[in-house]
Amino acid sequence: MATPEIDISELSESEQLALQQYTAVTDQNLQEAIPLLVRSQWNVQIAIAKFFDGEGPDPVAEALAAQNAPPPRTSIQENLQQSLLNGAARPSRHERQPDAAPRIVPQPDQDIVRRPPLLLAILFTPFNLLYRLLSSSLGLFSFLFPFLPRALRPGAPNGTVLRANTGGRRPLKPTDSAVRLKRELEEEYGNNSLPFYEGGYAQALDLAKRDLKFLLILLLSPEHDDTSSFIRETLLAPEVQTFVNDPAKNIILWTGDIRDSEAYQVSSALVCSKFPFTAVIAHTPSQGSTAMSVIARITGPMDASTYLAKVRTAISSHEDTLATARAARSAQNFERNLRQEQDSAYEKSLQADRERARLKREAEAAAVEEERRKKEEAEAAATLAEKKLQWRRWRASHIEPEPVSETKDVVRIALKMPYAARITRTFKASDNMEELYAFVDCYDLLADASNAADVEEPTNYKHEFDFRLVQTLPRVVYEIGEGGTIGERVGRSGNLIVEPIKIEDEEDEE
């Protein structure tokens, strides 16, 4: 029976996110991945574990059943002999758990013996000699009488020596000590391809914890008789170098000389009793989310095959655990990156929406402003036209009547109007040119001038004539702004044409 296809759009947002994370890690078909995620209660880590390790009993159902059902009570029947045998065969719970990797915070500056100035050294020389003499005497006295209290013995209050036997080596910082040891090994045993970590133990431990790698600790004691043969025959063996250099093994090699302060503290913390000493440290999720534990200790000299077999066994036994932890961390990193990408995409989309809303508001505001401006211009044009008409009506009522035939000093002017036939009218020679222009502008209102006697001149208005009077042969333009009387400008008679100014300006622009 074919499985019905599931519509992904019907899933919730969290379920779609879990599906994307699961398929990115396992690359499984969507129609097969969704049922597995449903059986895993949409828990990505449980689904990934089921995919790689095989799907056994449902841990979610078992956990729910364990919470609802009380634990069964089973009676144990055994005799004394069986109890003793079972106790001897089964190791204790504490013995099965690996030891926690020590966290060393070295302070090499405390081990540095600062030399005083020459003058103070000379002054304190007698006291220094006396102190050494008393220390030697007390040491010999405590050796002869070991039953004396520990307070009389030289060293620390608990009887242990806190400082390493440097053998005259200059104390350095952990990074410088690692570089010096690598150089000393190359000078004494020749070049090698071992990937020595050039840093302190704490740095190497943090790197192994961060990258989920194996930390291989190698502690050497140059004063030990087997150190030289171990380095030549075991550590520098081709198969050992090849194994340590293999990137697939995820090994970080840190080597220390116990004459250095940090290496000595590491040997004390790891309870190193025999040299050469090797410890394998790895992340143990069962002990905690960030726990680092010692999963193997290899002490004493041995051949390369035996040494490599022990190291390989320790790494192989814990490799699956680290692989699972890497997969879980990869899923977490993928989920975090996916969330960051989604948040970034959401922010970009939100910013784009805000930009579109802003542009829309600006367009609406611009449209409103344009409408308001057009309305104001229309109102201003209407007001201007109304005041212009009022002025023309007022000015038509104040135009002087045509002089009678007996009047002397008159000017006879023939006008070609743009909207009417040729008209002829006489004006007094003493009239201003404004009188002639006003007559032309108000010619169509002169018939009703008697009815406009009560019209007042508009306030806050300056009339401008939209035409000019031109004589054709020869062409002479009589501008109103030049002033003068009609007799002075035109003479006794004239033939003038009324030219609209706006039409002429538009023709000039074209």
Protein backbone atom coordinates (compact mmCIF):
# COMPACT_ATOMS: atom_id res chain seq x y z
CA MET A 1 0.00 0.00 0.00
CA ALA A 2 1.53 3.30 -1.07
CA THR A 3 2.14 5.90 1.60
CA PRO A 4 0.06 9.05 0.96
CA GLU A 5 2.13 12.12 0.22
CA ILE A 6 2.24 14.75 2.96
CA ASP A 7 1.78 18.41 2.07
CA ILE A 8 4.68 20.38 3.58
CA SER A 9 2.65 23.58 3.56
CA GLU A 10 0.32 22.08 6.17
CA LEU A 11 3.20 21.81 8.68
CA SER A 12 3.76 24.52 11.24
CA GLU A 13 6.73 26.85 11.11
CA SER A 14 8.63 24.97 13.86
CA GLU A 15 7.96 21.64 12.14
CA GLN A 16 9.21 22.96 8.80
CA LEU A 17 12.36 24.26 10.53
CA ALA A 18 12.96 20.85 12.16
CA LEU A 19 12.44 19.16 8.79
CA GLN A 20 15.02 21.43 7.13
CA GLN A 21 17.58 20.76 9.88
CA TYR A 22 17.04 17.01 9.74
CA THR A 23 17.25 16.73 5.93
CA ALA A 24 20.34 18.97 5.84
CA VAL A 25 22.21 16.51 8.11
CA THR A 26 20.83 13.18 6.83
CA ASP A 27 19.93 14.07 3.19
CA GLN A 28 16.88 11.78 3.48
CA ASN A 29 13.76 11.89 1.33
CA LEU A 30 11.07 14.26 2.67
CA GLN A 31 8.30 11.65 2.56
CA GLU A 32 10.48 9.28 4.62
CA ALA A 33 11.82 11.96 6.94
CA ILE A 34 8.45 13.31 8.08
CA PRO A 35 7.16 10.01 9.57
CA LEU A 36 10.46 9.55 11.43
CA LEU A 37 10.23 13.07 12.83
CA VAL A 38 6.61 12.44 13.86
CA ARG A 39 7.70 9.31 15.74
CA SER A 40 10.48 11.38 17.37
CA GLN A 41 8.01 14.08 18.49
CA TRP A 42 9.73 16.46 16.02
CA ASN A 43 12.96 16.33 18.06
CA VAL A 44 15.80 16.76 15.55
CA GLN A 45 18.52 15.20 17.72
CA ILE A 46 16.47 12.07 18.47
CA ALA A 47 15.56 11.70 14.78
CA ILE A 48 19.23 12.05 13.70
CA ALA A 49 20.26 9.46 16.29
CA LYS A 50 17.58 7.06 15.01
CA PHE A 51 18.72 7.59 11.40
CA PHE A 52 22.40 6.85 12.06
CA ASP A 53 22.12 4.31 14.91
CA GLY A 54 18.98 2.52 13.78
CA GLU A 55 15.47 2.92 15.10
CA GLY A 56 14.94 0.73 18.15
CA PRO A 57 12.43 1.20 20.92
CA ASP A 58 10.93 4.65 20.96
CA PRO A 59 12.77 6.61 23.70
CA VAL A 60 10.00 9.19 23.87
CA ALA A 61 7.31 6.57 24.46
CA GLU A 62 9.52 4.78 26.96
CA ALA A 63 10.17 8.05 28.81
CA LEU A 64 6.44 8.85 28.93
CA ALA A 65 5.67 5.34 30.09
CA ALA A 66 8.39 5.56 32.73
CA GLN A 67 6.88 8.79 34.04
CA ASN A 68 3.33 7.42 34.18
CA ALA A 69 4.00 3.87 35.40
CA PRO A 70 5.62 3.23 38.79
CA PRO A 71 8.92 1.34 38.71
CA PRO A 72 8.44 -2.42 39.10
CA ARG A 73 9.61 -4.02 42.29
CA THR A 74 11.51 -7.20 41.69
CA SER A 75 12.84 -9.30 44.51
CA ILE A 76 16.43 -10.41 44.30
CA GLN A 77 17.21 -13.82 45.70
CA GLU A 78 20.84 -14.78 46.00
CA ASN A 79 23.02 -16.40 48.63
CA LEU A 80 26.20 -15.11 50.22
CA GLN A 81 28.45 -16.92 47.74
CA GLN A 82 26.67 -15.37 44.72
CA SER A 83 26.88 -11.90 46.29
CA LEU A 84 30.61 -12.24 46.82
CA LEU A 85 31.13 -13.52 43.27
CA ASN A 86 29.02 -10.76 41.71
CA GLY A 87 30.75 -8.10 43.78
CA ALA A 88 34.16 -9.35 42.71
CA ALA A 89 33.16 -9.65 39.02
CA ARG A 90 31.49 -6.24 38.66
CA PRO A 91 33.68 -3.19 39.08
CA SER A 92 32.31 -0.31 41.04
CA ARG A 93 30.56 2.55 39.37
CA HIS A 94 33.36 5.00 40.19
CA GLU A 95 35.98 2.72 38.67
CA ARG A 96 34.19 2.59 35.32
CA GLN A 97 34.05 6.36 34.96
CA PRO A 98 37.13 8.04 33.47
CA ASP A 99 39.06 10.56 35.48
CA ALA A 100 38.39 14.21 34.75
CA ALA A 101 41.12 15.97 32.84
CA PRO A 102 42.93 18.44 35.11
CA ARG A 103 42.69 22.11 34.43
CA ILE A 104 46.15 23.65 34.82
CA VAL A 105 46.62 27.39 35.03
CA PRO A 106 50.41 27.76 35.17
CA GLN A 107 52.05 30.86 36.53
CA PRO A 108 55.62 30.70 35.31
CA ASP A 109 56.42 34.17 36.59
CA GLN A 110 56.31 32.83 40.16
CA ASP A 111 59.01 30.30 39.34
CA ILE A 112 61.39 32.88 37.95
CA VAL A 113 64.09 33.79 40.44
CA ARG A 114 64.74 37.45 39.91
CA ARG A 115 68.33 38.44 40.47
CA PRO A 116 68.81 41.38 42.81
CA PRO A 117 71.20 44.21 41.99
CA LEU A 118 74.90 43.56 42.48
CA LEU A 119 75.20 45.78 45.58
CA LEU A 120 72.29 44.07 47.35
CA ALA A 121 73.64 40.65 46.36
CA ILE A 122 76.97 41.46 47.98
CA LEU A 123 75.26 42.73 51.13
CA PHE A 124 73.01 39.66 51.48
CA THR A 125 75.67 37.07 50.62
CA PRO A 126 76.42 36.18 54.31
CA PHE A 127 72.73 35.70 55.05
CA ASN A 128 72.32 33.55 51.94
CA LEU A 129 75.21 31.30 52.98
CA LEU A 130 73.82 31.01 56.50
CA TYR A 131 70.36 30.07 55.15
CA ARG A 132 71.79 27.36 52.93
CA LEU A 133 73.84 25.96 55.79
CA LEU A 134 70.85 25.81 58.10
CA SER A 135 68.68 24.24 55.37
CA SER A 136 71.26 21.52 54.74
CA SER A 137 71.60 20.82 58.45
CA LEU A 138 67.84 20.56 58.93
CA GLY A 139 67.58 18.30 55.88
CA LEU A 140 70.25 15.94 57.22
CA PHE A 141 68.74 16.05 60.69
CA SER A 142 65.24 15.16 59.35
CA PHE A 143 66.75 12.33 57.31
CA LEU A 144 68.44 10.81 60.36
CA PHE A 145 65.33 11.20 62.51
CA PRO A 146 62.31 10.59 60.26
CA PHE A 147 59.92 10.41 63.19
CA LEU A 148 60.21 14.17 63.74
CA PRO A 149 57.26 16.35 62.76
CA ARG A 150 56.97 17.42 59.13
CA ALA A 151 57.24 21.06 60.16
CA LEU A 152 61.01 20.56 60.68
CA ARG A 153 61.47 19.13 57.18
CA PRO A 154 62.36 21.43 54.29
CA GLY A 155 59.79 21.93 51.58
CA ALA A 156 56.09 22.46 51.72
CA PRO A 157 53.98 21.97 54.86
CA ASN A 158 52.51 18.72 53.55
CA GLY A 159 55.93 17.33 52.75
CA THR A 160 55.67 17.61 48.94
CA VAL A 161 57.87 19.79 46.80
CA LEU A 162 55.85 22.30 44.87
CA ARG A 163 58.49 23.38 42.40
CA ALA A 164 59.90 21.36 39.56
CA ASN A 165 63.52 20.43 39.41
CA THR A 166 64.46 22.68 36.53
CA GLY A 167 68.08 21.53 36.36
CA GLY A 168 69.25 25.03 35.56
CA ARG A 169 66.70 25.59 32.73
CA ARG A 170 65.49 29.10 32.34
CA PRO A 171 61.77 29.37 33.23
CA LEU A 172 59.68 30.46 30.27
CA LYS A 173 56.05 30.98 29.47
CA PRO A 174 54.08 27.89 28.32
CA THR A 175 54.16 28.86 24.62
CA ASP A 176 57.89 29.56 24.70
CA SER A 177 58.54 26.33 26.60
CA ALA A 178 56.71 24.30 23.92
CA VAL A 179 58.73 25.95 21.14
CA ARG A 180 61.97 25.34 23.05
CA LEU A 181 61.18 21.64 23.59
CA LYS A 182 60.36 21.17 19.89
CA ARG A 183 63.66 22.78 18.94
CA GLU A 184 65.59 20.63 21.43
CA LEU A 185 64.03 17.43 20.07
CA GLU A 186 64.90 18.41 16.50
CA GLU A 187 68.48 19.27 17.48
CA GLU A 188 69.02 16.01 19.36
CA TYR A 189 67.00 13.49 17.32
CA GLY A 190 66.79 15.17 13.91
CA ASN A 191 63.86 16.51 11.94
CA ASN A 192 60.49 14.79 12.25
CA SER A 193 56.95 15.22 11.00
CA LEU A 194 55.21 15.08 14.39
CA PRO A 195 52.59 17.86 14.71
CA PHE A 196 53.72 19.27 18.07
CA TYR A 197 51.27 21.82 19.39
CA GLU A 198 53.18 25.06 19.95
CA GLY A 199 51.23 26.32 22.91
CA GLY A 200 50.41 25.67 26.53
CA TYR A 201 48.52 22.74 27.97
CA ALA A 202 45.51 24.89 28.83
CA GLN A 203 45.34 26.17 25.25
CA ALA A 204 45.58 22.63 23.84
CA LEU A 205 42.85 21.43 26.22
CA ASP A 206 40.55 24.28 25.19
CA LEU A 207 41.22 23.56 21.50
CA ALA A 208 40.40 19.86 21.93
CA LYS A 209 37.20 20.75 23.79
CA ARG A 210 36.13 23.29 21.18
CA ASP A 211 36.87 21.13 18.10
CA LEU A 212 35.96 17.78 19.77
CA LYS A 213 39.38 16.27 19.12
CA PHE A 214 41.65 13.85 21.02
CA LEU A 215 44.40 15.44 23.10
CA LEU A 216 47.51 13.25 23.24
CA ILE A 217 49.66 14.28 26.23
CA LEU A 218 53.32 13.15 26.17
CA LEU A 219 55.45 13.87 29.24
CA LEU A 220 59.21 13.34 29.02
CA SER A 221 61.93 13.25 31.65
CA PRO A 222 65.42 13.69 30.13
CA GLU A 223 66.94 12.28 33.33
CA HIS A 224 65.15 8.97 32.76
CA ASP A 225 67.24 6.22 31.13
CA ASP A 226 64.50 5.06 28.73
CA THR A 227 63.59 8.52 27.40
CA SER A 228 66.13 8.58 24.57
CA SER A 229 65.31 5.07 23.30
CA PHE A 230 61.57 5.72 23.57
CA ILE A 231 61.83 8.85 21.43
CA ARG A 232 64.08 7.24 18.80
CA GLU A 233 62.43 3.83 18.50
CA THR A 234 58.81 4.47 19.46
CA LEU A 235 57.80 8.10 19.11
CA LEU A 236 59.72 8.74 15.88
CA ALA A 237 58.69 5.43 14.30
CA PRO A 238 57.14 5.96 10.84
CA GLU A 239 53.88 4.22 11.73
CA VAL A 240 53.45 6.37 14.85
CA GLN A 241 54.14 9.58 12.94
CA THR A 242 51.73 8.56 10.18
CA PHE A 243 48.99 7.73 12.70
CA VAL A 244 49.37 11.00 14.61
CA ASN A 245 49.50 13.07 11.40
CA ASP A 246 46.31 11.50 10.01
CA PRO A 247 43.68 14.29 9.91
CA ALA A 248 40.90 11.72 10.20
CA LYS A 249 42.11 10.77 13.70
CA ASN A 250 41.60 14.34 15.02
CA ILE A 251 44.66 14.25 17.29
CA ILE A 252 46.32 17.21 19.00
CA LEU A 253 49.83 16.29 20.24
CA TRP A 254 51.13 18.21 23.23
CA THR A 255 54.56 17.37 24.64
CA GLY A 256 56.08 18.63 27.85
CA ASP A 257 59.39 18.41 29.67
CA ILE A 258 58.85 17.96 33.41
CA ARG A 259 61.72 20.33 34.07
CA ASP A 260 59.37 23.09 32.88
CA SER A 261 56.85 24.49 35.32
CA GLU A 262 53.66 23.74 33.36
CA ALA A 263 54.69 20.20 32.39
CA TYR A 264 55.59 19.46 35.98
CA GLN A 265 52.17 20.65 37.17
CA VAL A 266 50.49 18.51 34.49
CA SER A 267 52.44 15.43 35.58
CA SER A 268 51.45 16.02 39.20
CA ALA A 269 47.78 16.50 38.28
CA LEU A 270 47.77 13.33 36.13
CA VAL A 271 49.47 11.35 38.90
CA CYS A 272 52.38 10.43 36.66
CA SER A 273 54.52 7.78 38.40
CA LYS A 274 56.62 6.45 35.52
CA PHE A 275 58.22 7.92 32.42
CA PRO A 276 57.73 8.17 29.50
CA PHE A 277 54.08 8.95 30.18
CA THR A 278 51.25 9.28 27.65
CA ALA A 279 47.65 10.27 28.37
CA VAL A 280 44.71 10.44 25.97
CA ILE A 281 42.13 13.10 26.84
CA ALA A 282 38.78 13.48 25.09
CA HIS A 283 35.35 14.98 25.58
CA THR A 284 32.96 12.74 27.54
CA PRO A 285 29.33 13.86 27.14
CA SER A 286 28.22 11.41 29.83
CA GLN A 287 30.17 13.40 32.42
CA GLY A 288 28.80 16.76 31.32
CA SER A 289 28.28 18.97 28.31
CA THR A 290 31.83 20.37 28.54
CA ALA A 291 33.59 17.57 30.46
CA MET A 292 37.07 16.49 29.37
CA SER A 293 38.32 13.16 30.79
CA VAL A 294 41.43 10.99 30.68
CA ILE A 295 40.33 7.92 28.70
CA ALA A 296 43.73 6.16 28.66
CA ARG A 297 47.14 6.22 30.39
CA ILE A 298 50.24 4.64 28.83
CA THR A 299 53.36 4.48 31.01
CA GLY A 300 56.84 3.15 30.60
CA PRO A 301 58.95 2.25 27.56
CA MET A 302 57.55 -0.08 24.90
CA ASP A 303 57.97 -0.83 21.23
CA ALA A 304 56.22 1.17 18.53
CA SER A 305 53.60 -1.48 17.64
CA THR A 306 52.48 -1.93 21.26
CA TYR A 307 52.39 1.80 21.87
CA LEU A 308 50.44 2.44 18.69
CA ALA A 309 47.98 -0.37 19.48
CA LYS A 310 47.19 1.11 22.89
CA VAL A 311 46.71 4.61 21.51
CA ARG A 312 44.57 3.31 18.62
CA THR A 313 42.44 1.24 21.01
CA ALA A 314 41.79 4.24 23.27
CA ILE A 315 40.84 6.44 20.33
CA SER A 316 38.69 3.82 18.59
CA SER A 317 36.71 3.08 21.76
CA HIS A 318 35.73 6.74 22.09
CA GLU A 319 35.53 7.75 18.42
CA ASP A 320 31.82 6.98 18.04
CA THR A 321 30.99 9.15 21.04
CA LEU A 322 32.85 12.11 19.57
CA ALA A 323 31.25 11.51 16.17
CA THR A 324 27.80 11.68 17.75
CA ALA A 325 28.78 14.83 19.64
CA ARG A 326 30.10 16.38 16.42
CA ALA A 327 26.85 15.55 14.63
CA ALA A 328 24.81 17.10 17.44
CA ARG A 329 27.02 20.19 17.46
CA SER A 330 26.80 20.39 13.68
CA ALA A 331 23.01 20.26 13.94
CA GLN A 332 23.08 22.99 16.59
CA ASN A 333 25.39 25.13 14.46
CA PHE A 334 23.18 24.55 11.44
CA GLU A 335 20.10 25.51 13.45
CA ARG A 336 21.84 28.62 14.78
CA ASN A 337 23.04 29.62 11.30
CA LEU A 338 19.59 28.93 9.88
CA ARG A 339 18.00 31.10 12.54
CA GLN A 340 20.53 33.86 11.84
CA GLU A 341 19.81 33.64 8.11
CA GLN A 342 16.08 33.69 8.77
CA ASP A 343 16.45 36.65 11.12
CA SER A 344 18.61 38.42 8.54
CA ALA A 345 16.09 37.69 5.77
CA TYR A 346 13.26 38.87 8.03
CA GLU A 347 15.13 42.07 8.84
CA LYS A 348 15.80 42.67 5.15
CA SER A 349 12.16 42.03 4.30
CA LEU A 350 11.05 44.29 7.15
CA GLN A 351 13.45 46.98 5.97
CA ALA A 352 12.13 46.64 2.40
CA ASP A 353 8.54 46.93 3.68
CA ARG A 354 9.50 50.00 5.67
CA GLU A 355 11.16 51.51 2.60
CA ARG A 356 8.09 50.82 0.47
CA ALA A 357 5.84 52.31 3.16
CA ARG A 358 8.09 55.37 3.35
CA LEU A 359 8.05 55.84 -0.43
CA LYS A 360 4.27 55.40 -0.43
CA ARG A 361 3.89 58.03 2.30
CA GLU A 362 6.19 60.39 0.44
CA ALA A 363 4.24 59.84 -2.81
CA GLU A 364 0.95 60.46 -1.04
CA ALA A 365 2.35 63.56 0.64
CA ALA A 366 3.71 64.78 -2.72
CA ALA A 367 0.32 64.17 -4.35
CA VAL A 368 -1.44 66.07 -1.56
CA GLU A 369 1.07 68.89 -1.84
CA GLU A 370 0.67 69.03 -5.63
CA GLU A 371 -3.10 69.11 -5.29
CA ARG A 372 -2.87 71.87 -2.70
CA ARG A 373 -0.49 73.85 -4.92
CA LYS A 374 -2.78 73.52 -7.94
CA LYS A 375 -5.73 74.54 -5.82
CA GLU A 376 -3.88 77.58 -4.54
CA GLU A 377 -2.79 78.50 -8.06
CA ALA A 378 -6.35 78.11 -9.31
CA GLU A 379 -7.66 80.25 -6.46
CA ALA A 380 -4.94 82.83 -7.07
CA ALA A 381 -5.70 82.84 -10.80
CA ALA A 382 -9.41 83.23 -10.11
CA THR A 383 -8.75 86.05 -7.65
CA LEU A 384 -6.42 87.72 -10.12
CA ALA A 385 -8.98 87.41 -12.93
CA GLU A 386 -11.69 88.82 -10.67
CA LYS A 387 -9.54 91.78 -9.64
CA LYS A 388 -8.51 92.34 -13.25
CA LEU A 389 -12.15 92.44 -14.36
CA GLN A 390 -12.96 94.73 -11.45
CA TRP A 391 -10.11 97.04 -12.43
CA ARG A 392 -11.22 97.09 -16.10
CA ARG A 393 -14.77 97.93 -15.10
CA TRP A 394 -13.53 100.64 -12.78
CA ARG A 395 -11.11 101.97 -15.38
CA ALA A 396 -13.79 101.93 -18.09
CA SER A 397 -15.93 104.22 -15.93
CA HIS A 398 -13.04 106.70 -15.66
CA ILE A 399 -12.04 106.94 -19.34
CA GLU A 400 -12.37 110.48 -20.71
CA PRO A 401 -15.07 110.87 -23.38
CA GLU A 402 -14.06 111.47 -26.97
CA PRO A 403 -13.40 115.17 -27.59
CA VAL A 404 -15.83 117.06 -29.78
CA SER A 405 -14.93 118.20 -33.26
CA GLU A 406 -14.28 121.81 -32.20
CA THR A 407 -11.54 120.72 -29.75
CA LYS A 408 -8.05 121.65 -30.77
CA ASP A 409 -4.88 119.57 -30.24
CA VAL A 410 -6.46 116.22 -30.83
CA VAL A 411 -4.91 113.03 -32.14
CA ARG A 412 -6.77 110.80 -34.52
CA ILE A 413 -5.79 107.14 -34.10
CA ALA A 414 -6.93 104.10 -36.06
CA LEU A 415 -6.65 100.88 -34.04
CA LYS A 416 -6.65 97.33 -35.41
CA MET A 417 -8.11 95.28 -32.54
CA PRO A 418 -7.33 91.55 -32.36
CA TYR A 419 -11.00 90.64 -31.70
CA ALA A 420 -12.82 93.36 -33.66
CA ALA A 421 -12.66 95.35 -36.84
CA ARG A 422 -10.66 98.55 -37.23
CA ILE A 423 -11.91 101.38 -35.03
CA THR A 424 -11.08 105.06 -35.13
CA ARG A 425 -11.10 107.43 -32.17
CA THR A 426 -9.73 110.82 -31.27
CA PHE A 427 -7.85 111.60 -28.10
CA LYS A 428 -6.56 114.79 -26.57
CA ALA A 429 -2.94 115.33 -27.39
CA SER A 430 -2.26 115.99 -23.71
CA ASP A 431 -3.59 112.58 -22.61
CA ASN A 432 -1.03 110.08 -21.35
CA MET A 433 -0.23 106.89 -23.18
CA GLU A 434 -1.91 105.04 -20.30
CA GLU A 435 -5.22 106.56 -21.41
CA LEU A 436 -4.78 105.04 -24.86
CA TYR A 437 -3.82 101.65 -23.42
CA ALA A 438 -6.78 101.73 -20.99
CA PHE A 439 -9.15 102.53 -23.85
CA VAL A 440 -7.95 99.52 -25.82
CA ASP A 441 -8.06 97.22 -22.75
CA CYS A 442 -11.57 98.33 -21.71
CA TYR A 443 -13.09 98.79 -25.16
CA ASP A 444 -15.51 95.87 -24.73
CA LEU A 445 -16.78 97.36 -21.45
CA LEU A 446 -17.29 100.96 -22.56
CA ALA A 447 -20.88 100.29 -23.48
CA ASP A 448 -21.65 99.34 -19.84
CA ALA A 449 -19.40 101.96 -18.30
CA SER A 450 -22.40 103.91 -17.04
CA ASN A 451 -23.56 100.89 -15.03
CA ALA A 452 -20.09 100.46 -13.47
CA ALA A 453 -19.84 103.93 -11.97
CA ASP A 454 -20.09 102.57 -8.45
CA VAL A 455 -17.27 100.02 -8.95
CA GLU A 456 -14.23 100.73 -6.76
CA GLU A 457 -10.61 100.22 -7.67
CA PRO A 458 -9.36 96.85 -6.32
CA THR A 459 -6.85 96.96 -3.50
CA ASN A 460 -3.47 95.21 -3.54
CA TYR A 461 -3.58 94.94 -7.30
CA LYS A 462 -1.28 96.32 -9.96
CA HIS A 463 -2.68 96.02 -13.46
CA GLU A 464 -0.41 94.91 -16.25
CA PHE A 465 -1.42 95.21 -19.87
CA ASP A 466 -1.03 92.02 -21.86
CA PHE A 467 -0.60 93.75 -25.22
CA ARG A 468 1.45 96.45 -26.88
CA LEU A 469 0.67 99.14 -29.45
CA VAL A 470 2.79 98.93 -32.58
CA GLN A 471 3.09 101.13 -35.68
CA THR A 472 3.80 98.96 -38.75
CA LEU A 473 5.45 101.28 -41.34
CA PRO A 474 7.95 102.00 -40.04
CA ARG A 475 7.69 99.62 -37.11
CA VAL A 476 7.56 101.53 -33.87
CA VAL A 477 6.57 100.02 -30.54
CA TYR A 478 4.90 102.40 -28.11
CA GLU A 479 5.70 100.92 -24.70
CA ILE A 480 3.60 102.17 -21.84
CA GLY A 481 6.55 102.15 -19.52
CA GLU A 482 8.28 104.91 -21.51
CA GLY A 483 5.60 107.43 -20.48
CA GLY A 484 4.82 110.60 -22.43
CA THR A 485 1.63 111.97 -23.92
CA ILE A 486 -0.20 110.73 -26.97
CA GLY A 487 0.63 113.86 -28.96
CA GLU A 488 4.34 113.60 -28.14
CA ARG A 489 4.61 109.88 -28.95
CA VAL A 490 2.17 109.34 -31.83
CA GLY A 491 1.80 112.81 -33.36
CA ARG A 492 -1.31 114.16 -35.04
CA SER A 493 -2.52 110.76 -36.24
CA GLY A 494 -1.48 107.16 -36.39
CA ASN A 495 -2.37 103.66 -37.46
CA LEU A 496 -1.63 101.24 -34.62
CA ILE A 497 -1.95 97.50 -34.24
CA VAL A 498 -2.74 95.79 -30.94
CA GLU A 499 -0.25 92.91 -30.48
CA PRO A 500 -0.85 90.50 -27.61
CA ILE A 501 2.35 90.09 -25.58
CA LYS A 502 1.77 86.46 -24.47
CA ILE A 503 1.21 85.17 -27.99
CA GLU A 504 4.36 86.87 -29.22
CA ASP A 505 6.39 85.50 -26.30
CA GLU A 506 5.15 81.95 -26.97
CA GLU A 507 6.11 82.30 -30.64
CA ASP A 508 9.58 83.54 -29.65
CA GLU A 509 10.04 80.54 -27.32
CA GLU A 510 8.98 78.13 -30.09
